[in-house]
């Protein structure tokens, strides 16, 4: 029933008012603003909340000791040497952030066409896993599975005559996943978007005795312009030859995302991810409503950089924009978010809320 402003209500029902005696003020029994008038009431009726359990903190790794190297396109985000990554893990545990995601910056000297460093059991990621697990054993570690941090051409898979090879790449990805699992990784996260890689990795993990290692599939990963700062951070922005549109998804498509997610679930994914985040909230909502699986969003580097750049120029309130952006993910159905804001959000929550 439509409420006509200017007409009084009796027992929450409308009744006619004589034309010659109009109301001189708004007199409604139904006033949604009552629930908004105080902080305590807003909190009490809030439909979605952010907690530290919603956060996964991505960390960038670099060789060396006591290294904290800034990234120009990502203000306040740093590449960390392994010892500094351990300190970051300790801080995450203090803030009750449940999981870290590790990404390496591989020096050009260790990159080749085949991404061979990905299979080195003593590579940067594996050393960081072991060091973190030794000092902070109860924190979760998620490891990306893709070849782009390790290839000289910057692609996620093997490249031959300008074509990314699917099945040959999958064989390498299984071996990479096993190397990371052996180092102590808790969640394998294939981000390459090769067909069939989730099923192959699941079979490889199970066959090697790693049945308890989870898979969070980058199930709907789009060929997006929002990855630029991340590529700066891992060192692939200057090496990438061409683009990734033959294997990452077309930003124009939504039904295709559901098909990709369905396939990854059928192949054994325990959790699924939509990437990027805010430009794809419609995808996130459709995925969660369709499959009711643990569903995560990645608030990617470009999203972070835009908010930080605007805040740095005084164009918006950075803390409020940060909080609102994360609430959008929860509202759309995300069970958690990979975000470079993880520590800032967790610190605000520890001080008393958002």
Protein backbone atom coordinates (compact mmCIF):
# COMPACT_ATOMS: atom_id res chain seq x y z
CA UNK A 1 0.00 0.00 0.00
CA UNK A 2 1.45 3.37 -0.98
CA UNK A 3 1.89 5.93 1.78
CA UNK A 4 0.77 9.40 0.80
CA UNK A 5 2.74 12.07 2.60
CA UNK A 6 0.62 14.69 4.27
CA UNK A 7 -2.15 12.24 5.27
CA UNK A 8 -2.32 10.98 8.87
CA UNK A 9 -2.25 7.28 9.73
CA UNK A 10 -4.57 5.47 12.12
CA UNK A 11 -3.47 2.07 13.38
CA UNK A 12 -0.95 1.93 10.52
CA UNK A 13 -3.71 2.20 7.92
CA UNK A 14 -4.53 5.13 5.69
CA UNK A 15 -7.87 6.89 6.00
CA UNK A 16 -9.30 9.74 3.93
CA UNK A 17 -8.80 13.31 5.12
CA UNK A 18 -11.22 16.11 4.42
CA UNK A 19 -9.90 18.28 1.63
CA UNK A 20 -10.66 21.45 3.56
CA UNK A 21 -8.47 20.34 6.52
CA UNK A 22 -5.05 19.33 5.14
CA UNK A 23 -2.27 18.32 7.54
CA UNK A 24 0.08 21.13 8.38
CA UNK A 25 2.92 18.72 9.19
CA UNK A 26 4.20 15.27 8.28
CA UNK A 27 2.36 12.91 10.64
CA UNK A 28 3.32 9.30 9.95
CA UNK A 29 3.19 6.25 12.18
CA UNK A 30 5.75 4.53 9.96
CA UNK A 31 9.10 6.31 10.19
CA UNK A 32 12.15 4.34 9.00
CA UNK A 33 14.41 7.07 10.38
CA UNK A 34 13.64 5.96 13.94
CA UNK A 35 16.05 3.04 13.45
CA UNK A 36 18.74 5.40 12.16
CA UNK A 37 18.61 8.09 14.82
CA UNK A 38 21.36 6.71 17.09
CA UNK A 39 24.53 4.71 16.67
CA UNK A 40 23.30 1.94 18.97
CA UNK A 41 20.09 1.44 17.00
CA UNK A 42 21.88 1.54 13.65
CA UNK A 43 24.21 -1.18 14.88
CA UNK A 44 21.32 -3.22 16.28
CA UNK A 45 19.40 -3.41 12.98
CA UNK A 46 22.41 -3.60 10.66
CA UNK A 47 21.92 -6.32 8.04
CA UNK A 48 25.61 -6.92 7.26
CA UNK A 49 28.71 -6.57 9.38
CA UNK A 50 32.45 -6.75 8.78
CA UNK A 51 34.60 -8.76 11.16
CA UNK A 52 38.27 -9.71 11.09
CA UNK A 53 37.17 -13.22 10.10
CA UNK A 54 36.16 -11.76 6.71
CA UNK A 55 39.70 -10.69 5.85
CA UNK A 56 42.50 -12.27 3.84
CA UNK A 57 45.65 -10.14 3.71
CA UNK A 58 47.76 -10.35 0.52
CA UNK A 59 51.51 -10.00 1.07
CA UNK A 60 54.19 -9.42 -1.56
CA UNK A 61 57.53 -11.14 -1.00
CA UNK A 62 61.03 -10.18 -2.09
CA UNK A 63 64.48 -11.67 -1.58
CA UNK A 64 66.78 -10.31 1.09
CA UNK A 65 66.77 -9.65 4.82
CA UNK A 66 65.06 -6.80 6.68
CA UNK A 67 63.64 -5.50 3.39
CA UNK A 68 60.49 -3.43 3.19
CA UNK A 69 60.33 -1.99 -0.32
CA UNK A 70 57.55 0.40 -1.26
CA UNK A 71 55.41 0.02 -4.40
CA UNK A 72 54.79 3.35 -6.12
CA UNK A 73 51.37 2.43 -7.49
CA UNK A 74 50.16 1.00 -4.16
CA UNK A 75 50.70 3.52 -1.34
CA UNK A 76 51.56 1.95 2.05
CA UNK A 77 51.89 -1.54 0.51
CA UNK A 78 55.39 -3.01 0.58
CA UNK A 79 57.33 -5.98 -0.70
CA UNK A 80 58.61 -7.86 2.33
CA UNK A 81 61.60 -10.12 2.81
CA UNK A 82 60.81 -13.43 4.48
CA UNK A 83 61.78 -12.24 7.96
CA UNK A 84 59.55 -9.19 7.58
CA UNK A 85 56.72 -11.39 6.29
CA UNK A 86 56.98 -13.34 9.55
CA UNK A 87 56.58 -10.08 11.47
CA UNK A 88 53.52 -9.28 9.32
CA UNK A 89 52.08 -12.70 10.11
CA UNK A 90 52.55 -12.07 13.82
CA UNK A 91 50.71 -8.76 13.45
CA UNK A 92 47.90 -10.48 11.54
CA UNK A 93 47.55 -13.05 14.31
CA UNK A 94 47.36 -10.30 16.94
CA UNK A 95 44.54 -8.71 14.94
CA UNK A 96 42.82 -12.11 14.43
CA UNK A 97 43.13 -11.92 10.64
CA UNK A 98 42.74 -15.61 9.77
CA UNK A 99 44.67 -15.95 6.53
CA UNK A 100 47.53 -14.51 4.46
CA UNK A 101 47.90 -14.73 0.67
CA UNK A 102 51.50 -14.83 -0.57
CA UNK A 103 52.75 -13.44 -3.89
CA UNK A 104 56.44 -13.34 -4.92
CA UNK A 105 58.48 -10.73 -6.71
CA UNK A 106 60.84 -12.91 -8.74
CA UNK A 107 64.03 -11.30 -9.99
CA UNK A 108 64.45 -11.29 -13.79
CA UNK A 109 67.48 -13.57 -13.46
CA UNK A 110 65.20 -16.34 -12.10
CA UNK A 111 62.51 -16.00 -14.76
CA UNK A 112 62.41 -18.14 -17.87
CA UNK A 113 59.94 -19.15 -20.57
CA UNK A 114 58.77 -22.19 -18.60
CA UNK A 115 58.43 -20.50 -15.19
CA UNK A 116 60.83 -23.08 -13.73
CA UNK A 117 61.28 -21.20 -10.44
CA UNK A 118 57.66 -22.06 -9.57
CA UNK A 119 58.80 -25.67 -9.10
CA UNK A 120 61.77 -24.86 -6.88
CA UNK A 121 61.01 -26.18 -3.36
CA UNK A 122 63.27 -23.46 -1.99
CA UNK A 123 61.71 -20.58 -3.90
CA UNK A 124 60.63 -17.39 -2.18
CA UNK A 125 57.06 -18.48 -1.51
CA UNK A 126 58.08 -21.85 -0.06
CA UNK A 127 60.68 -20.27 2.21
CA UNK A 128 58.08 -17.79 3.45
CA UNK A 129 55.52 -20.53 4.10
CA UNK A 130 57.97 -22.52 6.22
CA UNK A 131 59.16 -19.48 8.15
CA UNK A 132 55.66 -18.22 8.89
CA UNK A 133 54.37 -21.64 9.89
CA UNK A 134 57.30 -22.07 12.26
CA UNK A 135 56.60 -18.83 14.12
CA UNK A 136 52.84 -18.43 13.63
CA UNK A 137 51.55 -21.98 13.08
CA UNK A 138 47.86 -21.23 13.53
CA UNK A 139 47.51 -18.65 10.77
CA UNK A 140 46.20 -19.83 7.40
CA UNK A 141 48.33 -19.46 4.28
CA UNK A 142 46.89 -19.20 0.78
CA UNK A 143 49.20 -19.61 -2.20
CA UNK A 144 48.54 -18.52 -5.73
CA UNK A 145 49.09 -21.14 -8.42
CA UNK A 146 49.99 -19.57 -11.77
CA UNK A 147 53.20 -19.01 -13.68
CA UNK A 148 53.09 -15.25 -14.31
CA UNK A 149 55.42 -14.30 -11.40
CA UNK A 150 57.99 -16.74 -12.80
CA UNK A 151 57.81 -16.50 -16.60
CA UNK A 152 59.96 -14.20 -18.72
CA UNK A 153 56.90 -13.39 -20.87
CA UNK A 154 54.58 -12.55 -17.95
CA UNK A 155 51.82 -15.03 -18.80
CA UNK A 156 50.11 -17.45 -16.44
CA UNK A 157 50.91 -20.44 -18.64
CA UNK A 158 53.38 -21.84 -21.13
CA UNK A 159 53.64 -19.81 -24.32
CA UNK A 160 54.36 -21.24 -27.76
CA UNK A 161 54.14 -19.27 -30.99
CA UNK A 162 51.94 -16.69 -29.29
CA UNK A 163 49.51 -19.30 -27.93
CA UNK A 164 49.04 -20.19 -24.25
CA UNK A 165 49.14 -23.99 -23.97
CA UNK A 166 46.37 -25.28 -21.73
CA UNK A 167 47.05 -28.93 -20.95
CA UNK A 168 50.83 -28.58 -20.81
CA UNK A 169 50.39 -25.66 -18.39
CA UNK A 170 48.06 -27.69 -16.17
CA UNK A 171 50.74 -30.33 -15.73
CA UNK A 172 53.14 -27.66 -14.47
CA UNK A 173 50.51 -26.14 -12.18
CA UNK A 174 49.92 -29.48 -10.47
CA UNK A 175 53.63 -29.71 -9.72
CA UNK A 176 53.65 -26.11 -8.44
CA UNK A 177 50.69 -26.87 -6.14
CA UNK A 178 52.51 -29.91 -4.73
CA UNK A 179 55.65 -27.88 -4.04
CA UNK A 180 53.59 -25.33 -2.10
CA UNK A 181 51.61 -28.00 -0.23
CA UNK A 182 54.83 -29.73 0.81
CA UNK A 183 56.06 -26.42 2.23
CA UNK A 184 52.94 -26.15 4.41
CA UNK A 185 50.43 -24.16 2.36
CA UNK A 186 46.83 -24.55 3.60
CA UNK A 187 44.89 -23.27 0.57
CA UNK A 188 45.93 -23.69 -3.05
CA UNK A 189 44.44 -20.92 -5.18
CA UNK A 190 44.73 -21.54 -8.95
CA UNK A 191 44.50 -18.14 -10.63
CA UNK A 192 45.59 -19.10 -14.15
CA UNK A 193 42.14 -19.81 -15.67
CA UNK A 194 43.32 -22.88 -17.59
CA UNK A 195 40.55 -25.37 -18.33
CA UNK A 196 40.55 -28.43 -16.07
CA UNK A 197 43.22 -27.24 -13.68
CA UNK A 198 41.14 -27.55 -10.50
CA UNK A 199 40.36 -31.22 -11.09
CA UNK A 200 43.98 -31.99 -11.97
CA UNK A 201 45.30 -30.18 -8.88
CA UNK A 202 42.76 -31.93 -6.64
CA UNK A 203 43.79 -35.31 -7.98
CA UNK A 204 47.47 -34.41 -7.60
CA UNK A 205 47.06 -33.25 -4.01
CA UNK A 206 45.00 -36.27 -3.02
CA UNK A 207 47.40 -38.67 -4.73
CA UNK A 208 50.35 -37.17 -2.84
CA UNK A 209 48.67 -37.38 0.56
CA UNK A 210 47.52 -33.75 0.78
CA UNK A 211 43.81 -34.47 0.96
CA UNK A 212 43.34 -31.85 3.69
CA UNK A 213 44.76 -29.02 1.60
CA UNK A 214 41.90 -26.85 0.33
CA UNK A 215 41.41 -25.30 -3.09
CA UNK A 216 40.07 -21.78 -3.52
CA UNK A 217 39.54 -21.46 -7.25
CA UNK A 218 39.80 -18.14 -9.01
CA UNK A 219 36.64 -19.33 -10.73
CA UNK A 220 35.49 -16.06 -12.31
CA UNK A 221 38.63 -14.10 -13.08
CA UNK A 222 38.22 -11.40 -15.68
CA UNK A 223 40.70 -9.91 -18.15
CA UNK A 224 40.63 -6.63 -16.27
CA UNK A 225 42.39 -3.28 -16.46
CA UNK A 226 42.39 -3.17 -12.65
CA UNK A 227 45.42 -5.48 -12.22
CA UNK A 228 48.08 -2.94 -13.19
CA UNK A 229 49.53 -2.13 -9.73
CA UNK A 230 49.64 -5.84 -8.84
CA UNK A 231 51.76 -6.51 -11.91
CA UNK A 232 54.08 -3.74 -10.74
CA UNK A 233 54.31 -5.44 -7.35
CA UNK A 234 55.23 -8.90 -8.71
CA UNK A 235 57.39 -7.54 -11.52
CA UNK A 236 55.35 -8.77 -14.50
CA UNK A 237 54.16 -5.40 -15.82
CA UNK A 238 57.37 -4.92 -17.80
CA UNK A 239 57.61 -8.53 -18.97
CA UNK A 240 54.05 -9.21 -20.15
CA UNK A 241 53.86 -9.88 -23.88
CA UNK A 242 50.43 -9.08 -25.30
CA UNK A 243 47.41 -9.59 -23.04
CA UNK A 244 45.55 -12.38 -21.24
CA UNK A 245 42.19 -12.28 -23.02
CA UNK A 246 42.47 -15.79 -24.44
CA UNK A 247 42.24 -17.33 -20.98
CA UNK A 248 40.87 -14.72 -18.57
CA UNK A 249 37.17 -13.93 -18.93
CA UNK A 250 35.56 -11.27 -21.10
CA UNK A 251 34.27 -8.43 -18.86
CA UNK A 252 31.06 -8.38 -20.93
CA UNK A 253 29.95 -11.84 -19.77
CA UNK A 254 27.97 -12.96 -16.73
CA UNK A 255 26.44 -16.34 -17.66
CA UNK A 256 29.91 -17.58 -18.55
CA UNK A 257 30.99 -16.88 -14.96
CA UNK A 258 28.32 -19.21 -13.64
CA UNK A 259 29.49 -21.94 -16.00
CA UNK A 260 33.11 -21.49 -14.91
CA UNK A 261 32.13 -21.64 -11.24
CA UNK A 262 29.99 -24.73 -11.79
CA UNK A 263 32.88 -26.51 -13.49
CA UNK A 264 35.34 -25.65 -10.70
CA UNK A 265 32.92 -26.87 -8.04
CA UNK A 266 32.40 -30.11 -9.94
CA UNK A 267 36.18 -30.56 -10.18
CA UNK A 268 36.62 -30.26 -6.41
CA UNK A 269 36.97 -26.60 -5.44
CA UNK A 270 36.24 -26.03 -1.74
CA UNK A 271 35.89 -22.25 -2.12
CA UNK A 272 35.47 -19.95 -5.08
CA UNK A 273 36.59 -16.44 -5.88
CA UNK A 274 35.41 -13.57 -8.06
CA UNK A 275 38.12 -11.19 -9.30
CA UNK A 276 38.15 -8.17 -9.53
CA UNK A 277 35.76 -7.13 -6.79
CA UNK A 278 33.71 -3.95 -6.90
CA UNK A 279 33.32 -3.74 -10.71
CA UNK A 280 31.91 -7.29 -10.56
CA UNK A 281 29.51 -7.20 -7.61
CA UNK A 282 26.73 -8.43 -9.89
CA UNK A 283 28.80 -11.54 -10.64
CA UNK A 284 29.51 -12.05 -6.95
CA UNK A 285 25.83 -11.88 -6.08
CA UNK A 286 24.78 -14.26 -8.86
CA UNK A 287 27.48 -16.77 -7.91
CA UNK A 288 26.55 -16.78 -4.22
CA UNK A 289 22.82 -17.02 -4.86
CA UNK A 290 23.25 -19.79 -7.45
CA UNK A 291 25.72 -22.09 -5.70
CA UNK A 292 25.64 -21.18 -1.97
CA UNK A 293 29.34 -22.06 -1.77
CA UNK A 294 31.96 -20.27 0.35
CA UNK A 295 32.51 -17.31 -1.98
CA UNK A 296 35.27 -14.71 -1.84
CA UNK A 297 36.03 -11.51 -3.68
CA UNK A 298 39.43 -10.03 -4.42
CA UNK A 299 39.54 -6.26 -3.96
CA UNK A 300 42.35 -5.96 -6.46
CA UNK A 301 45.27 -3.58 -6.63
CA UNK A 302 43.59 -1.13 -8.98
CA UNK A 303 40.61 -0.78 -6.66
CA UNK A 304 42.93 -0.15 -3.73
CA UNK A 305 45.04 2.32 -5.71
CA UNK A 306 42.00 4.35 -6.81
CA UNK A 307 40.74 4.77 -3.27
CA UNK A 308 44.18 5.63 -1.96
CA UNK A 309 44.87 8.12 -4.77
CA UNK A 310 41.55 9.88 -4.27
CA UNK A 311 42.07 9.97 -0.50
CA UNK A 312 45.60 11.27 -0.95
CA UNK A 313 44.28 14.15 -3.03
CA UNK A 314 41.58 14.97 -0.50
CA UNK A 315 38.79 14.02 -2.90
CA UNK A 316 37.17 11.56 -0.50
CA UNK A 317 37.50 10.24 3.03
CA UNK A 318 39.80 7.24 2.66
CA UNK A 319 38.68 5.40 5.80
CA UNK A 320 35.01 5.79 4.98
CA UNK A 321 35.51 4.75 1.36
CA UNK A 322 37.53 1.73 2.49
CA UNK A 323 34.81 0.63 4.90
CA UNK A 324 31.99 1.24 2.44
CA UNK A 325 33.76 -0.73 -0.28
CA UNK A 326 34.20 -3.76 1.98
CA UNK A 327 30.60 -3.55 3.14
CA UNK A 328 29.56 -3.70 -0.53
CA UNK A 329 31.23 -7.10 -0.82
CA UNK A 330 29.42 -8.43 2.23
CA UNK A 331 26.12 -7.02 1.00
CA UNK A 332 26.59 -8.77 -2.36
CA UNK A 333 27.17 -12.10 -0.61
CA UNK A 334 30.92 -12.46 -0.08
CA UNK A 335 31.98 -14.67 2.80
CA UNK A 336 35.36 -12.96 2.80
CA UNK A 337 37.54 -10.50 0.92
CA UNK A 338 41.17 -10.48 -0.11
CA UNK A 339 42.09 -6.85 0.50
CA UNK A 340 45.18 -4.71 0.98
CA UNK A 341 43.12 -2.81 3.57
CA UNK A 342 43.01 -5.86 5.85
CA UNK A 343 45.26 -4.50 8.59
CA UNK A 344 43.70 -1.02 8.56
CA UNK A 345 40.22 -2.52 8.86
CA UNK A 346 41.31 -4.94 11.59
CA UNK A 347 42.93 -2.14 13.58
CA UNK A 348 39.74 -0.07 13.38
CA UNK A 349 37.68 -3.04 14.53
CA UNK A 350 40.05 -3.64 17.46
CA UNK A 351 39.64 0.00 18.52
CA UNK A 352 35.89 -0.30 18.70
CA UNK A 353 34.30 -0.77 15.32
CA UNK A 354 33.74 0.81 11.95
